[in-house]
N, C-alpha and C. Protein backbone atom coordinates (compact mmCIF):
# COMPACT_ATOMS: atom_id res chain seq x y z
N UNK A 1 128.23 97.23 78.00
CA UNK A 1 127.89 95.93 78.76
C UNK A 1 126.49 95.47 78.02
N UNK A 2 126.53 94.11 77.81
CA UNK A 2 125.24 93.65 76.99
C UNK A 2 124.20 93.26 78.22
N UNK A 3 122.86 93.44 77.39
CA UNK A 3 121.93 93.78 78.41
C UNK A 3 120.77 93.04 77.58
N UNK A 4 119.68 92.38 78.44
CA UNK A 4 118.77 91.58 78.11
C UNK A 4 117.56 92.02 78.46
N UNK A 5 116.30 92.27 77.81
CA UNK A 5 115.02 92.76 78.18
C UNK A 5 114.24 91.60 77.87
N UNK A 6 113.53 91.38 78.79
CA UNK A 6 112.78 90.26 78.97
C UNK A 6 111.28 90.71 79.08
N UNK A 7 110.31 90.54 78.28
CA UNK A 7 108.73 90.55 78.38
C UNK A 7 107.94 89.77 78.80
N UNK A 8 107.19 89.95 79.72
CA UNK A 8 106.28 89.06 80.48
C UNK A 8 104.61 89.38 80.21
N UNK A 9 104.70 90.69 79.55
CA UNK A 9 103.05 91.15 79.74
C UNK A 9 102.92 92.29 80.60
N UNK A 10 101.85 92.24 81.56
CA UNK A 10 101.70 93.32 82.27
C UNK A 10 100.98 94.52 81.32
N UNK A 11 100.83 95.65 82.00
CA UNK A 11 100.00 96.70 81.86
C UNK A 11 100.80 97.19 80.59
N UNK A 12 102.23 97.07 80.77
CA UNK A 12 103.15 97.84 79.93
C UNK A 12 103.05 97.54 78.41
N UNK A 13 102.72 96.39 78.20
CA UNK A 13 102.34 95.84 76.90
C UNK A 13 100.88 95.63 76.43
N UNK A 14 99.79 96.17 77.11
CA UNK A 14 98.47 96.01 76.88
C UNK A 14 97.88 96.83 75.47
N UNK A 15 97.03 96.35 75.03
CA UNK A 15 96.57 97.21 73.65
C UNK A 15 95.11 97.32 73.73
N UNK A 16 94.49 98.58 73.55
CA UNK A 16 93.05 98.46 73.80
C UNK A 16 92.73 98.08 72.17
N UNK A 17 91.40 97.22 72.49
CA UNK A 17 90.92 96.69 71.24
C UNK A 17 89.62 97.76 70.86
N UNK A 18 89.67 98.51 70.02
CA UNK A 18 88.26 99.05 69.84
C UNK A 18 87.09 98.23 69.55
N UNK A 19 87.09 97.19 69.03
CA UNK A 19 86.11 96.35 68.27
C UNK A 19 85.64 95.51 69.87
N UNK A 20 86.23 95.39 71.04
CA UNK A 20 85.73 94.67 72.07
C UNK A 20 85.83 95.69 73.09
N UNK A 21 86.75 96.69 73.13
CA UNK A 21 86.56 97.83 74.32
C UNK A 21 87.50 97.36 75.58
N UNK A 22 88.24 96.25 75.29
CA UNK A 22 89.11 95.62 76.50
C UNK A 22 90.57 96.10 75.94
N UNK A 23 91.35 95.88 77.04
CA UNK A 23 92.74 95.93 76.86
C UNK A 23 93.09 94.29 76.74
N UNK A 24 93.93 93.96 75.93
CA UNK A 24 94.49 92.97 75.66
C UNK A 24 96.07 92.66 75.35
N UNK A 25 96.33 91.68 74.63
CA UNK A 25 97.97 91.52 74.24
C UNK A 25 97.89 91.25 73.04
N UNK A 26 98.89 92.08 72.20
CA UNK A 26 99.52 91.33 71.00
C UNK A 26 100.89 91.30 70.73
N UNK A 27 101.66 91.73 70.06
CA UNK A 27 102.90 91.71 70.26
C UNK A 27 103.63 92.47 71.44
N UNK A 28 104.93 92.53 71.74
CA UNK A 28 105.39 93.33 72.65
C UNK A 28 105.77 94.83 72.33
N UNK A 29 105.59 95.74 72.71
CA UNK A 29 105.86 97.00 71.98
C UNK A 29 107.50 97.21 72.48
N UNK A 30 108.33 96.32 72.74
CA UNK A 30 109.86 96.56 73.52
C UNK A 30 110.33 96.66 72.03
N UNK A 31 110.30 96.11 71.12
CA UNK A 31 110.94 96.35 69.81
C UNK A 31 110.96 97.90 69.44
N UNK A 32 110.08 98.25 69.30
CA UNK A 32 109.71 99.76 69.35
C UNK A 32 110.24 100.73 69.76
N UNK A 33 110.03 100.39 71.33
CA UNK A 33 110.53 101.51 72.22
C UNK A 33 112.15 101.44 72.39
N UNK A 34 112.95 99.97 71.97
CA UNK A 34 114.15 99.79 72.14
C UNK A 34 114.86 100.67 70.83
N UNK A 35 114.17 100.45 69.82
CA UNK A 35 114.59 100.97 68.54
C UNK A 35 114.45 102.92 68.70
N UNK A 36 113.72 103.07 69.31
CA UNK A 36 113.43 104.66 69.53
C UNK A 36 114.34 105.25 70.53
N UNK A 37 114.53 104.49 71.87
CA UNK A 37 115.41 105.23 72.56
C UNK A 37 117.05 104.80 72.32
N UNK A 38 117.15 104.29 71.30
CA UNK A 38 118.78 104.24 70.95
C UNK A 38 119.54 103.78 71.80
N UNK A 39 119.02 102.88 72.43
CA UNK A 39 120.21 102.25 73.70
C UNK A 39 121.27 101.91 73.33
N UNK A 40 122.52 102.58 74.02
CA UNK A 40 123.68 101.87 73.66
C UNK A 40 123.99 100.44 73.93
N UNK A 41 124.75 100.12 73.42
CA UNK A 41 125.31 98.46 73.40
C UNK A 41 124.43 97.56 73.03
N UNK A 42 125.01 96.25 73.13
CA UNK A 42 123.95 95.41 72.50
C UNK A 42 122.64 94.84 73.25
N UNK A 43 121.73 95.08 72.96
CA UNK A 43 120.70 94.91 73.87
C UNK A 43 119.74 93.69 72.79
N UNK A 44 119.44 92.22 73.84
CA UNK A 44 118.71 91.22 73.31
C UNK A 44 117.05 91.30 74.17
N UNK A 45 116.41 91.05 73.09
CA UNK A 45 114.67 91.19 73.31
C UNK A 45 114.41 89.71 73.55
N UNK A 46 113.58 89.25 74.68
CA UNK A 46 112.82 87.91 74.69
C UNK A 46 111.60 88.47 75.22
N UNK A 47 110.46 87.48 74.70
CA UNK A 47 109.27 87.37 75.06
C UNK A 47 109.26 86.20 75.57
N UNK A 48 108.89 86.04 77.08
CA UNK A 48 109.00 84.88 78.02
C UNK A 48 107.33 84.67 77.84
N UNK A 49 106.32 85.57 77.92
CA UNK A 49 104.78 85.35 78.28
C UNK A 49 104.75 86.61 77.70
N UNK A 50 103.25 86.71 77.45
CA UNK A 50 102.48 87.88 77.53
C UNK A 50 100.99 87.52 78.23
N UNK A 51 101.38 88.13 79.35
CA UNK A 51 99.93 87.77 80.58
C UNK A 51 99.89 88.79 81.11
N UNK A 52 98.84 88.85 82.06
CA UNK A 52 98.45 89.92 83.30
C UNK A 52 99.07 89.11 84.05
N UNK A 53 99.71 90.26 84.95
CA UNK A 53 100.43 89.64 86.33
C UNK A 53 99.55 89.02 87.29
N UNK A 54 98.51 89.71 87.14
CA UNK A 54 97.41 88.58 88.01
C UNK A 54 96.86 87.18 87.80
N UNK A 55 97.12 86.83 86.31
CA UNK A 55 97.25 85.46 85.96
C UNK A 55 98.42 84.77 86.19
N UNK A 56 99.40 85.55 86.72
CA UNK A 56 100.72 84.84 86.99
C UNK A 56 100.64 83.84 87.98
N UNK A 57 101.06 82.54 87.73
CA UNK A 57 101.11 81.65 88.80
C UNK A 57 102.83 81.16 89.06
N UNK A 58 103.01 80.25 90.27
CA UNK A 58 104.32 79.74 90.36
C UNK A 58 105.10 79.41 89.14
N UNK A 59 104.21 78.54 88.34
CA UNK A 59 105.05 78.06 87.34
C UNK A 59 105.48 79.13 86.17
N UNK A 60 104.85 80.28 85.86
CA UNK A 60 104.98 81.42 85.30
C UNK A 60 106.61 81.85 85.95
N UNK A 61 106.42 82.31 87.25
CA UNK A 61 107.71 82.68 87.56
C UNK A 61 108.77 81.92 87.75
N UNK A 62 108.69 80.58 87.50
CA UNK A 62 109.80 79.56 87.49
C UNK A 62 110.25 79.73 86.19
N UNK A 63 109.54 79.99 85.13
CA UNK A 63 109.86 80.37 83.59
C UNK A 63 110.56 81.65 83.71
N UNK A 64 110.25 82.47 84.34
CA UNK A 64 110.98 84.03 84.35
C UNK A 64 112.17 83.78 84.96
N UNK A 65 112.49 82.86 85.88
CA UNK A 65 113.75 82.30 86.57
C UNK A 65 114.48 82.05 85.79
N UNK A 66 114.27 80.82 84.83
CA UNK A 66 114.64 80.13 84.04
C UNK A 66 115.36 81.06 82.94
N UNK A 67 114.73 81.77 82.51
CA UNK A 67 115.12 82.59 81.31
C UNK A 67 116.13 83.49 81.79
N UNK A 68 115.96 84.11 83.05
CA UNK A 68 116.92 85.00 83.75
C UNK A 68 118.48 84.02 83.69
N UNK A 69 118.13 82.94 84.41
CA UNK A 69 119.23 81.88 84.86
C UNK A 69 119.89 81.69 83.41
N UNK A 70 119.29 81.23 82.33
CA UNK A 70 119.96 80.83 81.14
C UNK A 70 120.39 82.05 80.24
N UNK A 71 120.12 83.48 80.63
CA UNK A 71 120.50 84.46 79.90
C UNK A 71 122.19 84.73 80.15
N UNK A 72 122.98 84.89 79.03
CA UNK A 72 124.31 85.01 79.21
C UNK A 72 124.87 86.24 79.66
N UNK A 73 123.77 87.41 79.39
CA UNK A 73 124.20 88.88 79.80
C UNK A 73 124.16 88.91 81.27
N UNK A 74 124.94 89.94 81.93
CA UNK A 74 124.86 90.12 83.14
C UNK A 74 124.20 91.02 83.88
N UNK A 75 123.12 91.85 82.78
CA UNK A 75 122.34 92.75 83.29
C UNK A 75 121.04 92.45 82.68
N UNK A 76 119.75 92.39 83.60
CA UNK A 76 118.38 92.06 82.69
C UNK A 76 117.64 92.99 83.17
N UNK A 77 116.43 93.33 82.47
CA UNK A 77 115.00 94.13 82.67
C UNK A 77 114.05 93.37 82.13
N UNK A 78 113.52 93.00 83.42
CA UNK A 78 112.28 91.99 83.09
C UNK A 78 110.81 93.10 83.13
N UNK A 79 110.11 93.11 82.26
CA UNK A 79 109.07 93.76 81.88
C UNK A 79 107.82 93.13 82.49
N UNK A 80 107.38 93.69 83.58
CA UNK A 80 106.36 92.96 84.28
C UNK A 80 104.93 93.39 84.44
N UNK A 81 103.90 93.05 84.81
CA UNK A 81 102.75 93.63 85.46
C UNK A 81 103.19 94.13 86.77
N UNK A 82 102.29 95.06 87.35
CA UNK A 82 102.91 95.94 88.64
C UNK A 82 102.01 95.14 89.71
N UNK A 83 100.85 94.32 89.46
CA UNK A 83 100.21 93.78 90.48
C UNK A 83 100.97 92.52 91.51
N UNK A 84 101.88 91.79 90.65
CA UNK A 84 102.66 90.81 91.23
C UNK A 84 103.79 91.08 90.91
N UNK A 85 104.41 92.09 90.61
CA UNK A 85 105.95 92.09 90.61
C UNK A 85 106.73 91.90 91.62
N UNK A 86 106.26 92.33 92.96
CA UNK A 86 107.19 92.04 94.00
C UNK A 86 107.41 90.70 94.07
N UNK A 87 106.43 89.76 93.68
CA UNK A 87 106.13 88.17 94.12
C UNK A 87 107.40 87.63 93.24
N UNK A 88 107.26 88.20 91.89
CA UNK A 88 107.99 87.62 90.78
C UNK A 88 109.41 88.19 91.29
N UNK A 89 109.84 89.57 91.81
CA UNK A 89 110.97 89.67 92.27
C UNK A 89 111.52 88.64 93.70
N UNK A 90 110.62 88.60 94.36
CA UNK A 90 110.99 87.40 95.47
C UNK A 90 111.60 86.39 94.89
N UNK A 91 110.95 85.78 94.01
CA UNK A 91 111.44 84.55 93.44
C UNK A 91 112.67 84.42 92.78
N UNK A 92 113.14 85.75 92.23
CA UNK A 92 114.44 86.21 91.63
C UNK A 92 115.52 86.14 92.40
N UNK A 93 115.20 87.15 93.56
CA UNK A 93 115.99 87.54 94.51
C UNK A 93 116.42 86.22 95.37
N UNK A 94 115.68 85.47 95.68
CA UNK A 94 115.73 83.96 96.53
C UNK A 94 116.79 83.31 95.86
N UNK A 95 116.75 83.25 94.47
CA UNK A 95 117.65 82.27 93.48
C UNK A 95 119.10 82.91 93.62
N UNK A 96 119.40 83.96 94.05
CA UNK A 96 120.58 84.48 94.29
C UNK A 96 121.53 84.68 93.02
N UNK A 97 121.03 84.79 91.74
CA UNK A 97 121.78 84.66 90.70
C UNK A 97 122.97 85.98 90.61
N UNK A 98 124.13 85.59 89.98
CA UNK A 98 125.23 86.56 89.78
C UNK A 98 124.88 87.57 88.72
N UNK A 99 123.79 88.19 88.83
CA UNK A 99 123.49 88.96 87.76
C UNK A 99 122.74 90.34 88.32
N UNK A 100 122.48 91.48 87.78
CA UNK A 100 121.69 92.51 87.99
C UNK A 100 120.62 92.29 87.25
N UNK A 101 119.37 92.07 88.01
CA UNK A 101 118.16 92.10 87.31
C UNK A 101 117.02 93.09 87.82
N UNK A 102 116.52 93.90 87.04
CA UNK A 102 115.56 94.87 87.30
C UNK A 102 114.20 94.51 86.80
N UNK A 103 113.22 94.45 87.75
CA UNK A 103 111.69 94.42 87.11
C UNK A 103 111.21 95.95 86.99
N UNK A 104 110.42 96.16 86.00
CA UNK A 104 109.74 97.39 85.62
C UNK A 104 108.65 97.08 85.27
N UNK A 105 107.78 97.98 85.11
CA UNK A 105 106.56 97.83 84.48
C UNK A 105 105.81 99.14 84.24
N UNK A 106 104.64 99.27 84.02
CA UNK A 106 104.08 100.55 83.93
C UNK A 106 102.43 100.61 84.21
N UNK A 107 101.82 101.65 84.81
CA UNK A 107 100.76 102.06 85.50
C UNK A 107 99.68 102.21 84.42
N UNK A 108 100.17 102.51 83.10
CA UNK A 108 99.10 103.10 81.97
C UNK A 108 100.00 102.32 80.97
N UNK A 109 99.38 101.43 79.83
CA UNK A 109 99.67 100.70 78.58
C UNK A 109 100.80 101.80 77.89
N UNK A 110 101.73 101.13 77.25
CA UNK A 110 102.58 102.16 76.60
C UNK A 110 101.80 102.62 75.08
N UNK A 111 101.07 101.89 75.00
CA UNK A 111 99.98 102.29 73.67
C UNK A 111 99.28 103.64 74.09
N UNK A 112 98.91 104.00 75.21
CA UNK A 112 97.92 104.80 75.44
C UNK A 112 98.63 106.43 75.96
N UNK A 113 97.95 107.49 75.50
CA UNK A 113 98.61 108.81 76.02
C UNK A 113 98.68 108.79 77.66
N UNK A 114 100.05 109.52 77.97
CA UNK A 114 100.16 109.27 79.19
C UNK A 114 100.88 108.27 80.11
N UNK A 115 101.34 107.39 79.24
CA UNK A 115 102.00 106.43 79.65
C UNK A 115 103.19 106.45 80.25
N UNK A 116 103.66 105.62 81.50
CA UNK A 116 104.89 105.82 82.16
C UNK A 116 105.77 104.68 81.48
N UNK A 117 105.57 104.18 80.44
CA UNK A 117 106.26 102.82 80.04
C UNK A 117 107.52 103.14 79.83
N UNK A 118 107.59 104.23 78.70
CA UNK A 118 108.96 104.53 78.10
C UNK A 118 109.84 105.05 79.26
N UNK A 119 109.38 105.79 80.26
CA UNK A 119 110.23 106.40 81.43
C UNK A 119 110.87 105.37 82.19
N UNK A 120 109.96 104.27 82.55
CA UNK A 120 110.45 103.34 83.57
C UNK A 120 111.23 102.30 82.75
N UNK A 121 111.00 102.30 81.51
CA UNK A 121 112.12 101.30 81.11
C UNK A 121 113.37 101.79 80.78
N UNK A 122 113.20 103.27 80.48
CA UNK A 122 114.73 103.96 80.35
C UNK A 122 115.32 103.83 81.88
N UNK A 123 114.80 104.25 82.91
CA UNK A 123 115.21 104.07 84.17
C UNK A 123 115.80 102.62 84.71
N UNK A 124 114.87 101.95 84.16
CA UNK A 124 115.37 100.25 84.67
C UNK A 124 116.75 100.12 83.69
N UNK A 125 116.44 100.33 82.31
CA UNK A 125 117.88 99.77 81.65
C UNK A 125 119.34 100.53 82.39
N UNK A 126 119.09 102.16 82.87
CA UNK A 126 120.02 102.65 83.42
C UNK A 126 120.31 101.93 84.52
N UNK A 127 119.38 101.33 85.63
CA UNK A 127 119.67 100.87 86.97
C UNK A 127 120.00 99.24 86.53
N UNK A 128 119.76 98.39 85.35
CA UNK A 128 120.35 97.49 85.32
C UNK A 128 121.91 97.54 84.72
N UNK A 129 122.18 98.59 84.43
CA UNK A 129 123.62 98.74 84.17
C UNK A 129 124.54 99.23 85.08
N UNK A 130 124.04 99.73 85.96
CA UNK A 130 124.84 100.63 87.15
C UNK A 130 124.58 99.86 88.87
N UNK A 131 123.47 99.48 89.05
CA UNK A 131 123.50 99.20 90.32
C UNK A 131 124.24 97.68 90.57
N UNK A 132 124.41 97.39 91.88
CA UNK A 132 125.26 95.73 92.00
C UNK A 132 124.10 94.94 91.57
N UNK A 133 125.10 93.57 91.21
CA UNK A 133 124.25 92.54 91.11
C UNK A 133 123.17 92.13 92.53
N UNK A 134 122.23 91.76 91.81
CA UNK A 134 120.97 91.38 92.76
C UNK A 134 119.56 91.93 92.01
N UNK A 135 118.79 91.42 92.70
CA UNK A 135 117.22 92.14 92.16
C UNK A 135 116.58 93.14 92.69
N UNK A 136 116.22 94.06 91.65
CA UNK A 136 115.70 95.57 91.94
C UNK A 136 113.93 95.78 91.43
N UNK A 137 113.72 96.47 91.79
CA UNK A 137 112.20 96.49 91.28
C UNK A 137 112.35 98.15 91.00
N UNK A 138 112.24 98.70 90.00
CA UNK A 138 112.32 100.19 89.56
C UNK A 138 110.87 100.37 88.88
N UNK A 139 110.37 101.79 89.56
CA UNK A 139 109.29 102.32 89.08
C UNK A 139 109.60 103.63 89.55
N UNK A 140 108.83 104.70 88.65
CA UNK A 140 109.10 106.00 88.70
C UNK A 140 110.26 106.57 89.18
N UNK A 141 111.39 106.28 88.52
CA UNK A 141 112.59 106.48 88.92
C UNK A 141 113.35 106.25 89.89
N UNK A 142 112.86 105.49 90.65
CA UNK A 142 113.51 104.71 92.15
C UNK A 142 113.64 103.44 92.10
N UNK A 143 114.96 102.84 92.44
CA UNK A 143 114.91 101.42 92.44
C UNK A 143 115.12 100.76 93.75
N UNK A 144 114.30 100.06 93.94
CA UNK A 144 114.13 99.44 95.53
C UNK A 144 114.56 97.75 95.33
N UNK A 145 115.34 97.28 96.55
CA UNK A 145 115.81 95.92 96.59
C UNK A 145 114.54 95.01 96.88
N UNK A 146 114.63 93.93 95.98
CA UNK A 146 113.63 93.24 96.09
C UNK A 146 112.84 92.88 97.56
N UNK A 147 113.76 92.65 98.41
CA UNK A 147 113.58 92.27 99.59
C UNK A 147 113.08 93.44 100.76
N UNK A 148 112.87 94.84 99.88
CA UNK A 148 112.41 95.79 100.96
C UNK A 148 111.50 96.64 100.11
N UNK A 149 110.65 96.33 99.41
CA UNK A 149 109.63 97.05 98.47
C UNK A 149 108.23 96.45 98.37
N UNK A 150 107.25 97.30 98.31
CA UNK A 150 105.85 96.64 98.05
C UNK A 150 105.21 98.09 97.05
N UNK A 151 104.19 97.48 96.81
CA UNK A 151 103.27 98.45 95.80
C UNK A 151 102.18 99.12 96.79
N UNK A 152 102.15 100.34 97.04
CA UNK A 152 101.39 101.05 97.62
C UNK A 152 99.92 101.25 96.41
N UNK A 153 98.96 100.75 96.91
CA UNK A 153 97.89 100.60 95.62
C UNK A 153 97.24 101.97 96.08
N UNK A 154 96.90 102.59 97.16
CA UNK A 154 96.12 103.80 97.30
C UNK A 154 96.94 104.79 96.52
N UNK A 155 98.33 105.21 96.65
CA UNK A 155 99.23 106.12 96.24
C UNK A 155 99.50 105.63 94.79
N UNK A 156 99.28 104.40 94.18
CA UNK A 156 100.13 103.68 92.50
C UNK A 156 101.35 104.04 92.66
N UNK A 157 102.12 103.85 93.75
CA UNK A 157 103.61 103.77 93.42
C UNK A 157 104.30 102.55 94.28
N UNK A 158 105.43 102.35 94.21
CA UNK A 158 106.24 101.37 94.85
C UNK A 158 107.13 102.19 95.95
N UNK A 159 107.25 101.61 97.02
CA UNK A 159 107.77 102.13 97.93
C UNK A 159 108.59 101.13 99.11
N UNK A 160 109.50 101.58 99.66
CA UNK A 160 110.00 100.90 100.91
C UNK A 160 109.02 99.98 101.98
N UNK A 161 109.50 99.16 102.60
CA UNK A 161 108.64 98.55 103.27
C UNK A 161 108.69 99.49 104.77
N UNK A 162 107.89 99.38 105.30
CA UNK A 162 107.73 100.20 106.89
C UNK A 162 107.72 101.52 106.42
């Protein structure tokens, strides 16, 4: 099955700049991760944007939706910042595209020790290739339907509503 992975930025792709002491963006880490993971089948990578999800506005979410709508692949992984991942998942879910779209991210940037980025990406790829069409949020080895998930900021995890 063909797969498209879409980068939008978020903590996943942040890099530490030793000169300024801040985390910022450069190129996506996805090319390196996909090569290292040796993902079976054809994988297309696309950079939609490289921003912090706290800076994401409605027009950014509409751009992510347009990328997903235009993608010929039936399975997509959207790498997204965790702070507003649920809001983007809602926009994609309400569009009801006939595709399996899995949003994932990282709590610690890929470029830093102890990152969860590789694990979350691998799980998201597996979920995108096995779950039913719809929109899912996948973090920490679990996938949640877009309409039944929130970020528990106290515990640093995504969990079902209620």
